[in-house]
C-alpha atoms as a PDB file:
ATOM      1  CA  UNK A   1     138.431  88.282   6.760  1.00  0.00           C
ATOM      2  CA  UNK A   2     134.832  88.404   7.936  1.00  0.00           C
ATOM      3  CA  UNK A   3     133.374  85.022   8.806  1.00  0.00           C
ATOM      4  CA  UNK A   4     129.893  84.297   7.516  1.00  0.00           C
ATOM      5  CA  UNK A   5     127.479  83.667  10.361  1.00  0.00           C
ATOM      6  CA  UNK A   6     125.564  80.405  10.379  1.00  0.00           C
ATOM      7  CA  UNK A   7     121.800  80.577  10.082  1.00  0.00           C
ATOM      8  CA  UNK A   8     121.516  79.587  13.725  1.00  0.00           C
ATOM      9  CA  UNK A   9     123.846  82.418  14.758  1.00  0.00           C
ATOM     10  CA  UNK A  10     121.839  84.904  12.683  1.00  0.00           C
ATOM     11  CA  UNK A  11     118.610  83.799  14.348  1.00  0.00           C
ATOM     12  CA  UNK A  12     120.252  83.970  17.783  1.00  0.00           C
ATOM     13  CA  UNK A  13     121.295  87.568  17.093  1.00  0.00           C
ATOM     14  CA  UNK A  14     117.795  88.394  15.908  1.00  0.00           C
ATOM     15  CA  UNK A  15     116.394  86.746  19.010  1.00  0.00           C
ATOM     16  CA  UNK A  16     118.493  88.953  21.273  1.00  0.00           C
ATOM     17  CA  UNK A  17     117.388  92.080  19.405  1.00  0.00           C
ATOM     18  CA  UNK A  18     113.692  91.245  19.430  1.00  0.00           C
ATOM     19  CA  UNK A  19     113.668  90.080  23.042  1.00  0.00           C
ATOM     20  CA  UNK A  20     114.960  93.506  24.037  1.00  0.00           C
ATOM     21  CA  UNK A  21     112.438  95.274  21.803  1.00  0.00           C
ATOM     22  CA  UNK A  22     109.398  93.290  22.920  1.00  0.00           C
ATOM     23  CA  UNK A  23     110.271  93.583  26.610  1.00  0.00           C
ATOM     24  CA  UNK A  24     110.626  97.346  26.206  1.00  0.00           C
ATOM     25  CA  UNK A  25     107.329  97.683  24.318  1.00  0.00           C
ATOM     26  CA  UNK A  26     105.470  95.633  26.908  1.00  0.00           C
ATOM     27  CA  UNK A  27     106.840  97.677  29.799  1.00  0.00           C
ATOM     28  CA  UNK A  28     105.961 100.875  27.914  1.00  0.00           C
ATOM     29  CA  UNK A  29     102.399  99.600  27.519  1.00  0.00           C
ATOM     30  CA  UNK A  30     102.092  99.076  31.272  1.00  0.00           C
ATOM     31  CA  UNK A  31     103.681 102.455  31.944  1.00  0.00           C
ATOM     32  CA  UNK A  32     101.215 104.136  29.577  1.00  0.00           C
ATOM     33  CA  UNK A  33      98.355 102.714  31.658  1.00  0.00           C
ATOM     34  CA  UNK A  34      99.660 103.728  35.071  1.00  0.00           C
ATOM     35  CA  UNK A  35     100.965 107.126  33.941  1.00  0.00           C
ATOM     36  CA  UNK A  36      97.632 108.159  32.438  1.00  0.00           C
ATOM     37  CA  UNK A  37      95.691 107.628  35.676  1.00  0.00           C
ATOM     38  CA  UNK A  38      94.347 110.721  37.447  1.00  0.00           C
ATOM     39  CA  UNK A  39      94.678 109.437  40.997  1.00  0.00           C
ATOM     40  CA  UNK A  40      92.090 111.710  42.619  1.00  0.00           C
ATOM     41  CA  UNK A  41      89.449 110.686  40.068  1.00  0.00           C
ATOM     42  CA  UNK A  42      90.218 107.004  40.597  1.00  0.00           C
ATOM     43  CA  UNK A  43      89.967 107.461  44.366  1.00  0.00           C
ATOM     44  CA  UNK A  44      86.638 109.281  43.966  1.00  0.00           C
ATOM     45  CA  UNK A  45      85.109 106.350  42.061  1.00  0.00           C
ATOM     46  CA  UNK A  46      86.417 103.894  44.646  1.00  0.00           C
ATOM     47  CA  UNK A  47      84.921 106.009  47.439  1.00  0.00           C
ATOM     48  CA  UNK A  48      81.555 105.773  45.672  1.00  0.00           C
ATOM     49  CA  UNK A  49      81.996 102.015  45.350  1.00  0.00           C
ATOM     50  CA  UNK A  50      81.688 102.313  41.579  1.00  0.00           C
ATOM     51  CA  UNK A  51      84.154  99.593  40.657  1.00  0.00           C
ATOM     52  CA  UNK A  52      83.192  99.379  36.982  1.00  0.00           C
ATOM     53  CA  UNK A  53      83.729 103.114  36.498  1.00  0.00           C
ATOM     54  CA  UNK A  54      87.066 102.850  38.305  1.00  0.00           C
ATOM     55  CA  UNK A  55      88.064  99.937  36.072  1.00  0.00           C
ATOM     56  CA  UNK A  56      87.120 101.835  32.900  1.00  0.00           C
ATOM     57  CA  UNK A  57      89.152 104.800  34.123  1.00  0.00           C
ATOM     58  CA  UNK A  58      92.309 102.673  34.009  1.00  0.00           C
ATOM     59  CA  UNK A  59      91.747 102.119  30.268  1.00  0.00           C
ATOM     60  CA  UNK A  60      93.362  98.693  30.163  1.00  0.00           C
ATOM     61  CA  UNK A  61      92.702  97.893  26.505  1.00  0.00           C
ATOM     62  CA  UNK A  62      94.328  96.104  23.543  1.00  0.00           C
ATOM     63  CA  UNK A  63      95.209  99.485  22.052  1.00  0.00           C
ATOM     64  CA  UNK A  64      97.666 100.039  24.890  1.00  0.00           C
ATOM     65  CA  UNK A  65      99.621  96.995  23.690  1.00  0.00           C
ATOM     66  CA  UNK A  66      99.509  97.840  19.968  1.00  0.00           C
ATOM     67  CA  UNK A  67     103.262  98.318  19.583  1.00  0.00           C
ATOM     68  CA  UNK A  68     103.999  95.102  21.492  1.00  0.00           C
ATOM     69  CA  UNK A  69     101.520  93.218  19.311  1.00  0.00           C
ATOM     70  CA  UNK A  70     102.960  94.689  16.104  1.00  0.00           C
ATOM     71  CA  UNK A  71     106.474  93.844  17.271  1.00  0.00           C
ATOM     72  CA  UNK A  72     105.643  90.137  17.395  1.00  0.00           C
ATOM     73  CA  UNK A  73     104.581  90.197  13.730  1.00  0.00           C
ATOM     74  CA  UNK A  74     107.648  92.243  12.763  1.00  0.00           C
ATOM     75  CA  UNK A  75     109.884  89.715  14.517  1.00  0.00           C
ATOM     76  CA  UNK A  76     108.162  86.978  12.507  1.00  0.00           C
ATOM     77  CA  UNK A  77     108.939  88.701   9.196  1.00  0.00           C
ATOM     78  CA  UNK A  78     112.555  89.389  10.166  1.00  0.00           C
ATOM     79  CA  UNK A  79     112.950  85.698  10.960  1.00  0.00           C
ATOM     80  CA  UNK A  80     111.517  84.701   7.597  1.00  0.00           C
ATOM     81  CA  UNK A  81     113.874  86.976   5.686  1.00  0.00           C
ATOM     82  CA  UNK A  82     116.882  85.749   7.685  1.00  0.00           C
ATOM     83  CA  UNK A  83     115.956  82.122   7.038  1.00  0.00           C
ATOM     84  CA  UNK A  84     115.713  82.392   3.246  1.00  0.00           C
ATOM     85  CA  UNK A  85     118.855  84.536   3.089  1.00  0.00           C
ATOM     86  CA  UNK A  86     120.699  81.724   4.838  1.00  0.00           C
ATOM     87  CA  UNK A  87     119.556  78.967   2.484  1.00  0.00           C
ATOM     88  CA  UNK A  88     122.419  77.547   0.378  1.00  0.00           C
ATOM     89  CA  UNK A  89     122.617  78.129  -3.366  1.00  0.00           C
ATOM     90  CA  UNK A  90     120.797  75.567  -5.503  1.00  0.00           C
ATOM     91  CA  UNK A  91     120.518  75.024  -9.266  1.00  0.00           C
ATOM     92  CA  UNK A  92     117.833  73.136 -11.099  1.00  0.00           C
ATOM     93  CA  UNK A  93     118.661  70.312 -13.547  1.00  0.00           C
ATOM     94  CA  UNK A  94     118.890  72.893 -16.370  1.00  0.00           C
ATOM     95  CA  UNK A  95     121.572  74.790 -14.498  1.00  0.00           C
ATOM     96  CA  UNK A  96     119.402  77.729 -13.576  1.00  0.00           C
ATOM     97  CA  UNK A  97     119.848  79.132 -10.089  1.00  0.00           C
ATOM     98  CA  UNK A  98     116.908  78.563  -7.780  1.00  0.00           C
ATOM     99  CA  UNK A  99     116.096  81.777  -5.916  1.00  0.00           C
ATOM    100  CA  UNK A 100     114.650  81.377  -2.453  1.00  0.00           C
ATOM    101  CA  UNK A 101     112.470  84.217  -1.225  1.00  0.00           C
ATOM    102  CA  UNK A 102     110.323  85.186   1.746  1.00  0.00           C
ATOM    103  CA  UNK A 103     106.777  85.950   0.694  1.00  0.00           C
ATOM    104  CA  UNK A 104     105.829  88.996   2.738  1.00  0.00           C
ATOM    105  CA  UNK A 105     102.353  88.682   1.231  1.00  0.00           C
ATOM    106  CA  UNK A 106     101.950  85.106   2.407  1.00  0.00           C
ATOM    107  CA  UNK A 107      98.613  86.049   3.915  1.00  0.00           C
ATOM    108  CA  UNK A 108      97.551  82.700   5.417  1.00  0.00           C
ATOM    109  CA  UNK A 109     100.848  82.224   7.272  1.00  0.00           C
ATOM    110  CA  UNK A 110     100.995  85.848   8.428  1.00  0.00           C
ATOM    111  CA  UNK A 111      97.360  85.681   9.535  1.00  0.00           C
ATOM    112  CA  UNK A 112      98.206  82.809  11.878  1.00  0.00           C
ATOM    113  CA  UNK A 113     100.949  84.856  13.549  1.00  0.00           C
ATOM    114  CA  UNK A 114      98.777  87.967  13.707  1.00  0.00           C
ATOM    115  CA  UNK A 115      95.981  85.975  15.299  1.00  0.00           C
ATOM    116  CA  UNK A 116      98.427  84.543  17.814  1.00  0.00           C
ATOM    117  CA  UNK A 117      99.566  88.058  18.760  1.00  0.00           C
ATOM    118  CA  UNK A 118      95.978  89.310  19.003  1.00  0.00           C
ATOM    119  CA  UNK A 119      94.985  86.360  21.179  1.00  0.00           C
ATOM    120  CA  UNK A 120      97.969  86.917  23.454  1.00  0.00           C
ATOM    121  CA  UNK A 121      97.145  90.598  23.986  1.00  0.00           C
ATOM    122  CA  UNK A 122      93.440  89.907  24.479  1.00  0.00           C
ATOM    123  CA  UNK A 123      94.349  87.336  27.124  1.00  0.00           C
ATOM    124  CA  UNK A 124      96.641  89.777  28.922  1.00  0.00           C
ATOM    125  CA  UNK A 125      93.936  92.464  28.907  1.00  0.00           C
ATOM    126  CA  UNK A 126      91.303  90.060  30.272  1.00  0.00           C
ATOM    127  CA  UNK A 127      93.730  88.862  32.949  1.00  0.00           C
ATOM    128  CA  UNK A 128      94.565  92.407  34.036  1.00  0.00           C
ATOM    129  CA  UNK A 129      90.937  93.535  34.143  1.00  0.00           C
ATOM    130  CA  UNK A 130      90.022  90.543  36.301  1.00  0.00           C
ATOM    131  CA  UNK A 131      92.976  91.212  38.609  1.00  0.00           C
ATOM    132  CA  UNK A 132      92.077  94.896  38.959  1.00  0.00           C
ATOM    133  CA  UNK A 133      88.452  94.128  39.781  1.00  0.00           C
ATOM    134  CA  UNK A 134      89.558  91.572  42.358  1.00  0.00           C
ATOM    135  CA  UNK A 135      91.903  94.040  44.104  1.00  0.00           C
ATOM    136  CA  UNK A 136      89.189  96.699  44.171  1.00  0.00           C
ATOM    137  CA  UNK A 137      86.541  94.313  45.497  1.00  0.00           C
ATOM    138  CA  UNK A 138      88.842  92.971  48.217  1.00  0.00           C
ATOM    139  CA  UNK A 139      89.798  96.484  49.280  1.00  0.00           C
ATOM    140  CA  UNK A 140      86.153  97.495  49.503  1.00  0.00           C
ATOM    141  CA  UNK A 141      85.205  94.336  51.425  1.00  0.00           C
ATOM    142  CA  UNK A 142      87.809  94.855  54.131  1.00  0.00           C
ATOM    143  CA  UNK A 143      87.174  98.582  54.421  1.00  0.00           C
ATOM    144  CA  UNK A 144      90.559  99.614  53.076  1.00  0.00           C
ATOM    145  CA  UNK A 145      91.154 103.306  52.452  1.00  0.00           C
ATOM    146  CA  UNK A 146      90.300 103.924  48.746  1.00  0.00           C
ATOM    147  CA  UNK A 147      93.504 105.895  48.329  1.00  0.00           C
ATOM    148  CA  UNK A 148      95.534 102.862  49.428  1.00  0.00           C
ATOM    149  CA  UNK A 149      93.613 100.628  47.018  1.00  0.00           C
ATOM    150  CA  UNK A 150      94.336 103.041  44.179  1.00  0.00           C
ATOM    151  CA  UNK A 151      98.034 103.145  45.061  1.00  0.00           C
ATOM    152  CA  UNK A 152      98.115  99.348  45.326  1.00  0.00           C
ATOM    153  CA  UNK A 153      96.970  99.250  41.710  1.00  0.00           C
ATOM    154  CA  UNK A 154      99.005 101.964  40.009  1.00  0.00           C
ATOM    155  CA  UNK A 155     101.875 102.524  42.446  1.00  0.00           C
ATOM    156  CA  UNK A 156     103.470 105.751  43.590  1.00  0.00           C
ATOM    157  CA  UNK A 157     105.326 108.302  41.482  1.00  0.00           C
ATOM    158  CA  UNK A 158     109.088 107.927  41.576  1.00  0.00           C
ATOM    159  CA  UNK A 159     110.231 111.539  41.818  1.00  0.00           C
ATOM    160  CA  UNK A 160     113.510 110.702  40.116  1.00  0.00           C
ATOM    161  CA  UNK A 161     111.945 109.169  36.993  1.00  0.00           C
ATOM    162  CA  UNK A 162     108.520 110.814  37.053  1.00  0.00           C
ATOM    163  CA  UNK A 163     106.820 107.444  36.495  1.00  0.00           C
ATOM    164  CA  UNK A 164     104.646 105.361  38.773  1.00  0.00           C
ATOM    165  CA  UNK A 165     106.106 102.150  40.143  1.00  0.00           C
ATOM    166  CA  UNK A 166     105.314  99.446  42.655  1.00  0.00           C
ATOM    167  CA  UNK A 167     101.732  98.783  41.572  1.00  0.00           C
ATOM    168  CA  UNK A 168      99.971  95.539  40.751  1.00  0.00           C
ATOM    169  CA  UNK A 169      99.043  96.405  37.167  1.00  0.00           C
ATOM    170  CA  UNK A 170     101.065  94.262  34.765  1.00  0.00           C
ATOM    171  CA  UNK A 171     101.812  91.488  37.235  1.00  0.00           C
ATOM    172  CA  UNK A 172     100.421  87.983  36.862  1.00  0.00           C
ATOM    173  CA  UNK A 173      97.776  86.944  39.422  1.00  0.00           C
ATOM    174  CA  UNK A 174     100.411  84.744  41.081  1.00  0.00           C
ATOM    175  CA  UNK A 175     102.885  87.626  41.302  1.00  0.00           C
ATOM    176  CA  UNK A 176     100.169  89.902  42.703  1.00  0.00           C
ATOM    177  CA  UNK A 177      99.348  87.340  45.396  1.00  0.00           C
ATOM    178  CA  UNK A 178     103.024  87.091  46.336  1.00  0.00           C
ATOM    179  CA  UNK A 179     103.272  90.876  46.581  1.00  0.00           C
ATOM    180  CA  UNK A 180     100.202  91.011  48.824  1.00  0.00           C
ATOM    181  CA  UNK A 181     101.659  88.243  50.998  1.00  0.00           C
ATOM    182  CA  UNK A 182     104.941  90.151  51.356  1.00  0.00           C
ATOM    183  CA  UNK A 183     103.187  93.395  52.307  1.00  0.00           C
ATOM    184  CA  UNK A 184     100.833  91.821  54.827  1.00  0.00           C
ATOM    185  CA  UNK A 185     103.437  89.477  56.315  1.00  0.00           C
ATOM    186  CA  UNK A 186     106.171  92.064  56.832  1.00  0.00           C
ATOM    187  CA  UNK A 187     103.775  94.638  58.251  1.00  0.00           C
ATOM    188  CA  UNK A 188     102.305  92.080  60.673  1.00  0.00           C
ATOM    189  CA  UNK A 189     105.667  90.623  61.672  1.00  0.00           C
ATOM    190  CA  UNK A 190     104.632  87.119  60.581  1.00  0.00           C
ATOM    191  CA  UNK A 191     107.774  85.029  61.026  1.00  0.00           C
ATOM    192  CA  UNK A 192     106.975  82.492  58.304  1.00  0.00           C
ATOM    193  CA  UNK A 193     106.119  85.209  55.789  1.00  0.00           C
ATOM    194  CA  UNK A 194     109.431  86.921  56.530  1.00  0.00           C
ATOM    195  CA  UNK A 195     111.357  83.663  56.134  1.00  0.00           C
ATOM    196  CA  UNK A 196     109.527  83.051  52.856  1.00  0.00           C
ATOM    197  CA  UNK A 197     110.462  86.529  51.660  1.00  0.00           C
ATOM    198  CA  UNK A 198     114.155  85.872  52.265  1.00  0.00           C
ATOM    199  CA  UNK A 199     113.907  82.938  49.857  1.00  0.00           C
ATOM    200  CA  UNK A 200     112.344  84.847  46.961  1.00  0.00           C
ATOM    201  CA  UNK A 201     114.694  85.081  43.976  1.00  0.00           C
ATOM    202  CA  UNK A 202     113.246  88.427  42.868  1.00  0.00           C
ATOM    203  CA  UNK A 203     113.695  90.208  46.178  1.00  0.00           C
ATOM    204  CA  UNK A 204     116.067  93.167  46.497  1.00  0.00           C
ATOM    205  CA  UNK A 205     118.709  91.835  48.878  1.00  0.00           C
ATOM    206  CA  UNK A 206     119.613  95.343  50.014  1.00  0.00           C
ATOM    207  CA  UNK A 207     116.566  95.183  52.290  1.00  0.00           C
ATOM    208  CA  UNK A 208     117.364  91.790  53.823  1.00  0.00           C
ATOM    209  CA  UNK A 209     118.804  93.447  56.924  1.00  0.00           C
ATOM    210  CA  UNK A 210     115.427  94.979  57.835  1.00  0.00           C
ATOM    211  CA  UNK A 211     113.730  91.601  57.578  1.00  0.00           C
ATOM    212  CA  UNK A 212     116.433  89.691  59.461  1.00  0.00           C
ATOM    213  CA  UNK A 213     116.383  92.197  62.326  1.00  0.00           C
ATOM    214  CA  UNK A 214     112.609  91.917  62.583  1.00  0.00           C
ATOM    215  CA  UNK A 215     112.918  88.132  62.740  1.00  0.00           C
ATOM    216  CA  UNK A 216     115.618  88.266  65.399  1.00  0.00           C
ATOM    217  CA  UNK A 217     113.713  90.796  67.505  1.00  0.00           C
ATOM    218  CA  UNK A 218     110.326  89.137  67.046  1.00  0.00           C
ATOM    219  CA  UNK A 219     108.775  92.307  65.633  1.00  0.00           C
ATOM    220  CA  UNK A 220     107.534  93.692  62.342  1.00  0.00           C
ATOM    221  CA  UNK A 221     109.408  95.491  59.577  1.00  0.00           C
ATOM    222  CA  UNK A 222     109.068  99.312  59.736  1.00  0.00           C
ATOM    223  CA  UNK A 223     106.289 100.591  57.480  1.00  0.00           C
ATOM    224  CA  UNK A 224     108.555 102.789  55.348  1.00  0.00           C
ATOM    225  CA  UNK A 225     110.911  99.855  54.770  1.00  0.00           C
ATOM    226  CA  UNK A 226     107.973  97.620  53.808  1.00  0.00           C
ATOM    227  CA  UNK A 227     106.889 100.175  51.208  1.00  0.00           C
ATOM    228  CA  UNK A 228     110.374 100.203  49.674  1.00  0.00           C
ATOM    229  CA  UNK A 229     110.600  96.408  49.784  1.00  0.00           C
ATOM    230  CA  UNK A 230     107.239  95.977  48.069  1.00  0.00           C
ATOM    231  CA  UNK A 231     108.042  98.591  45.419  1.00  0.00           C
ATOM    232  CA  UNK A 232     111.382  96.957  44.632  1.00  0.00           C
ATOM    233  CA  UNK A 233     109.812  93.502  44.420  1.00  0.00           C
ATOM    234  CA  UNK A 234     107.005  94.780  42.175  1.00  0.00           C
ATOM    235  CA  UNK A 235     109.500  96.416  39.804  1.00  0.00           C
ATOM    236  CA  UNK A 236     111.578  93.257  39.568  1.00  0.00           C
ATOM    237  CA  UNK A 237     108.535  91.038  39.113  1.00  0.00           C
ATOM    238  CA  UNK A 238     107.258  93.292  36.330  1.00  0.00           C
ATOM    239  CA  UNK A 239     110.642  93.209  34.579  1.00  0.00           C
ATOM    240  CA  UNK A 240     110.804  89.433  35.012  1.00  0.00           C
ATOM    241  CA  UNK A 241     107.413  89.052  33.378  1.00  0.00           C
ATOM    242  CA  UNK A 242     108.380  91.381  30.539  1.00  0.00           C
ATOM    243  CA  UNK A 243     111.579  89.428  29.881  1.00  0.00           C
ATOM    244  CA  UNK A 244     109.807  86.067  30.025  1.00  0.00           C
ATOM    245  CA  UNK A 245     107.046  87.234  27.684  1.00  0.00           C
ATOM    246  CA  UNK A 246     109.611  88.670  25.290  1.00  0.00           C
ATOM    247  CA  UNK A 247     111.686  85.474  25.315  1.00  0.00           C
ATOM    248  CA  UNK A 248     108.688  83.248  24.692  1.00  0.00           C
ATOM    249  CA  UNK A 249     107.099  85.399  21.989  1.00  0.00           C
ATOM    250  CA  UNK A 250     110.361  86.074  20.165  1.00  0.00           C
ATOM    251  CA  UNK A 251     111.077  82.350  20.028  1.00  0.00           C
ATOM    252  CA  UNK A 252     107.574  81.605  18.777  1.00  0.00           C
ATOM    253  CA  UNK A 253     107.805  84.270  16.063  1.00  0.00           C
ATOM    254  CA  UNK A 254     111.277  83.346  14.800  1.00  0.00           C
ATOM    255  CA  UNK A 255     110.673  79.598  14.911  1.00  0.00           C
ATOM    256  CA  UNK A 256     107.328  79.896  13.139  1.00  0.00           C
ATOM    257  CA  UNK A 257     108.981  82.133  10.546  1.00  0.00           C
ATOM    258  CA  UNK A 258     111.710  79.564   9.925  1.00  0.00           C
ATOM    259  CA  UNK A 259     109.139  76.807   9.525  1.00  0.00           C
ATOM    260  CA  UNK A 260     106.977  78.918   7.196  1.00  0.00           C
ATOM    261  CA  UNK A 261     109.998  79.997   5.139  1.00  0.00           C
ATOM    262  CA  UNK A 262     110.832  76.388   4.305  1.00  0.00           C
ATOM    263  CA  UNK A 263     107.171  75.576   3.732  1.00  0.00           C
ATOM    264  CA  UNK A 264     106.945  78.454   1.244  1.00  0.00           C
ATOM    265  CA  UNK A 265     109.823  77.004  -0.776  1.00  0.00           C
ATOM    266  CA  UNK A 266     108.149  73.580  -0.731  1.00  0.00           C
ATOM    267  CA  UNK A 267     104.809  75.051  -1.814  1.00  0.00           C
ATOM    268  CA  UNK A 268     106.579  76.936  -4.629  1.00  0.00           C
ATOM    269  CA  UNK A 269     108.194  73.711  -5.865  1.00  0.00           C
ATOM    270  CA  UNK A 270     111.724  74.900  -5.086  1.00  0.00           C
ATOM    271  CA  UNK A 271     112.197  72.218  -2.448  1.00  0.00           C
ATOM    272  CA  UNK A 272     110.676  68.764  -2.132  1.00  0.00           C
ATOM    273  CA  UNK A 273     109.354  67.883   1.311  1.00  0.00           C
ATOM    274  CA  UNK A 274     110.662  64.338   1.040  1.00  0.00           C
ATOM    275  CA  UNK A 275     114.241  65.620   1.060  1.00  0.00           C
ATOM    276  CA  UNK A 276     113.845  68.001   3.997  1.00  0.00           C
ATOM    277  CA  UNK A 277     114.239  66.886   7.615  1.00  0.00           C
ATOM    278  CA  UNK A 278     114.330  68.746  10.922  1.00  0.00           C
ATOM    279  CA  UNK A 279     116.280  67.963  14.085  1.00  0.00           C
ATOM    280  CA  UNK A 280     115.618  69.033  17.668  1.00  0.00           C
ATOM    281  CA  UNK A 281     118.728  70.983  18.689  1.00  0.00           C
ATOM    282  CA  UNK A 282     120.413  71.642  21.997  1.00  0.00           C
ATOM    283  CA  UNK A 283     120.489  75.118  23.476  1.00  0.00           C
ATOM    284  CA  UNK A 284     123.677  76.682  24.820  1.00  0.00           C
ATOM    285  CA  UNK A 285     121.426  78.218  27.480  1.00  0.00           C
ATOM    286  CA  UNK A 286     120.135  76.477  30.568  1.00  0.00           C
ATOM    287  CA  UNK A 287     117.095  74.576  29.339  1.00  0.00           C
ATOM    288  CA  UNK A 288     116.246  72.247  32.199  1.00  0.00           C
ATOM    289  CA  UNK A 289     113.028  70.619  31.003  1.00  0.00           C
ATOM    290  CA  UNK A 290     113.788  66.908  31.018  1.00  0.00           C
ATOM    291  CA  UNK A 291     111.279  66.240  28.225  1.00  0.00           C
ATOM    292  CA  UNK A 292     113.048  68.762  25.994  1.00  0.00           C
ATOM    293  CA  UNK A 293     116.551  67.531  26.768  1.00  0.00           C
ATOM    294  CA  UNK A 294     115.407  64.018  25.890  1.00  0.00           C
ATOM    295  CA  UNK A 295     114.459  65.262  22.404  1.00  0.00           C
ATOM    296  CA  UNK A 296     117.914  66.603  21.510  1.00  0.00           C
ATOM    297  CA  UNK A 297     119.168  64.987  18.303  1.00  0.00           C
ATOM    298  CA  UNK A 298     115.833  63.463  17.284  1.00  0.00           C
ATOM    299  CA  UNK A 299     115.066  63.904  13.577  1.00  0.00           C
ATOM    300  CA  UNK A 300     111.751  63.718  11.713  1.00  0.00           C
ATOM    301  CA  UNK A 301     110.635  64.532   8.147  1.00  0.00           C
ATOM    302  CA  UNK A 302     109.875  68.239   7.774  1.00  0.00           C
ATOM    303  CA  UNK A 303     106.102  67.830   7.557  1.00  0.00           C
ATOM    304  CA  UNK A 304     105.842  65.403  10.466  1.00  0.00           C
ATOM    305  CA  UNK A 305     105.512  66.111  14.181  1.00  0.00           C
ATOM    306  CA  UNK A 306     107.918  65.475  17.026  1.00  0.00           C
ATOM    307  CA  UNK A 307     106.523  63.414  19.910  1.00  0.00           C
ATOM    308  CA  UNK A 308     107.706  64.426  23.381  1.00  0.00           C
ATOM    309  CA  UNK A 309     108.198  61.787  26.110  1.00  0.00           C
ATOM    310  CA  UNK A 310     104.884  62.780  27.721  1.00  0.00           C
ATOM    311  CA  UNK A 311     103.069  62.130  24.433  1.00  0.00           C
ATOM    312  CA  UNK A 312     102.674  65.769  23.393  1.00  0.00           C
ATOM    313  CA  UNK A 313     103.109  66.275  19.646  1.00  0.00           C
ATOM    314  CA  UNK A 314     104.429  69.466  18.075  1.00  0.00           C
ATOM    315  CA  UNK A 315     106.182  70.908  15.045  1.00  0.00           C
ATOM    316  CA  UNK A 316     109.171  71.525  17.322  1.00  0.00           C
ATOM    317  CA  UNK A 317     110.197  73.828  20.163  1.00  0.00           C
ATOM    318  CA  UNK A 318     108.099  77.010  20.418  1.00  0.00           C
ATOM    319  CA  UNK A 319     105.114  75.560  18.565  1.00  0.00           C
ATOM    320  CA  UNK A 320     102.388  78.032  19.670  1.00  0.00           C
ATOM    321  CA  UNK A 321      99.991  75.120  20.111  1.00  0.00           C
ATOM    322  CA  UNK A 322     102.123  73.610  22.887  1.00  0.00           C
ATOM    323  CA  UNK A 323     100.752  73.751  26.445  1.00  0.00           C
ATOM    324  CA  UNK A 324     102.243  76.460  28.657  1.00  0.00           C
ATOM    325  CA  UNK A 325     104.520  74.112  30.613  1.00  0.00           C
ATOM    326  CA  UNK A 326     106.332  73.243  27.366  1.00  0.00           C
ATOM    327  CA  UNK A 327     106.163  76.702  25.810  1.00  0.00           C
ATOM    328  CA  UNK A 328     106.718  79.476  28.344  1.00  0.00           C
ATOM    329  CA  UNK A 329     110.365  80.350  28.896  1.00  0.00           C
ATOM    330  CA  UNK A 330     111.664  77.513  26.706  1.00  0.00           C
ATOM    331  CA  UNK A 331     115.253  78.140  25.602  1.00  0.00           C
ATOM    332  CA  UNK A 332     115.583  75.394  23.000  1.00  0.00           C
ATOM    333  CA  UNK A 333     116.731  76.638  19.575  1.00  0.00           C
ATOM    334  CA  UNK A 334     114.458  76.343  16.524  1.00  0.00           C
ATOM    335  CA  UNK A 335     114.793  72.922  14.860  1.00  0.00           C
ATOM    336  CA  UNK A 336     117.799  72.508  12.580  1.00  0.00           C
ATOM    337  CA  UNK A 337     116.507  71.973   9.034  1.00  0.00           C
ATOM    338  CA  UNK A 338     118.583  69.896   6.614  1.00  0.00           C
ATOM    339  CA  UNK A 339     117.998  69.566   2.872  1.00  0.00           C
ATOM    340  CA  UNK A 340     119.387  66.690   0.820  1.00  0.00           C
ATOM    341  CA  UNK A 341     120.070  68.819  -2.251  1.00  0.00           C
ATOM    342  CA  UNK A 342     122.025  66.076  -3.993  1.00  0.00           C
ATOM    343  CA  UNK A 343     119.188  63.562  -3.785  1.00  0.00           C
ATOM    344  CA  UNK A 344     116.653  66.178  -4.856  1.00  0.00           C
ATOM    345  CA  UNK A 345     118.768  67.285  -7.817  1.00  0.00           C
ATOM    346  CA  UNK A 346     119.367  63.671  -8.875  1.00  0.00           C
ATOM    347  CA  UNK A 347     115.653  62.856  -8.754  1.00  0.00           C
ATOM    348  CA  UNK A 348     114.786  65.926 -10.795  1.00  0.00           C
ATOM    349  CA  UNK A 349     117.517  65.163 -13.329  1.00  0.00           C
ATOM    350  CA  UNK A 350     116.290  61.603 -13.696  1.00  0.00           C
ATOM    351  CA  UNK A 351     112.751  62.866 -14.150  1.00  0.00           C
ATOM    352  CA  UNK A 352     113.921  65.299 -16.843  1.00  0.00           C
ATOM    353  CA  UNK A 353     115.863  62.719 -18.875  1.00  0.00           C
ATOM    354  CA  UNK A 354     113.211  60.047 -18.374  1.00  0.00           C
ATOM    355  CA  UNK A 355     115.250  57.580 -16.333  1.00  0.00           C
END
């Protein structure tokens, strides 16, 4: 006999599916940028010192992320449908079944999610353009070979896959700085930089032997090994960012959908807000934010805000208005929503019979 999945289990399954999809679409967007580059033309613009032309040539634009952006909205709708499908059966005082539904034409609610997705992509594009200009300007200032600057940005072609890898495009500014530190430190034989590298969680441990030998011998890491180390780190950092973005955005979309699904039923008069409460749940994953763990089990009326220990107020985990330190990478589940159907039905019955 098949066991009916709980609403939380359904949303967890959806989360896994959409995390995979969004990570893939984001990586494809980055790949579309680096694969479209004509390296010799990019080098030519860098040789002329025409950084704006070189930047335009990379075509880092919102259109590149269109499928990623659309995926966030699609995840939102799938979450809304799953939420209403999981709502328990309810009958009104006349005995008629109350049908819960997800309004796919709920334009105000959808517009909020679309605007969130647009703002996210616009921010990524602005970040990447600024990072690219910075790398180009620094390369020009220190007299670096334009070809090396171009390869730093877009990476080299992996002859096995046919795609470029190991570049800075797609990385956060912090990740790009770490990559530059690794490259410079290992090439120069800087002992502290090499020790730091051996502590990086995203490093490829297969190359640790090269770094340890250089430390023991007081020398630098061979240039060809440095290139492989940097490429491997860049690939892992890019995948880490993709996974973290996908996790965060999937959780935002599904949680917002769940909230909006209940709000739709309240607005339609099918539920009464006074009989709906939400509870901050505990994740089976490793959520180590102390402020979030302190919230587990706290319950508030559906239309009220939770207050975190640091004073931050929110609709619950994954509220898109939360600051980054509460939002990014959070693994808390969406709030558990409970409806007191008995009390609601009794109040409506009493209202109908005039008691």
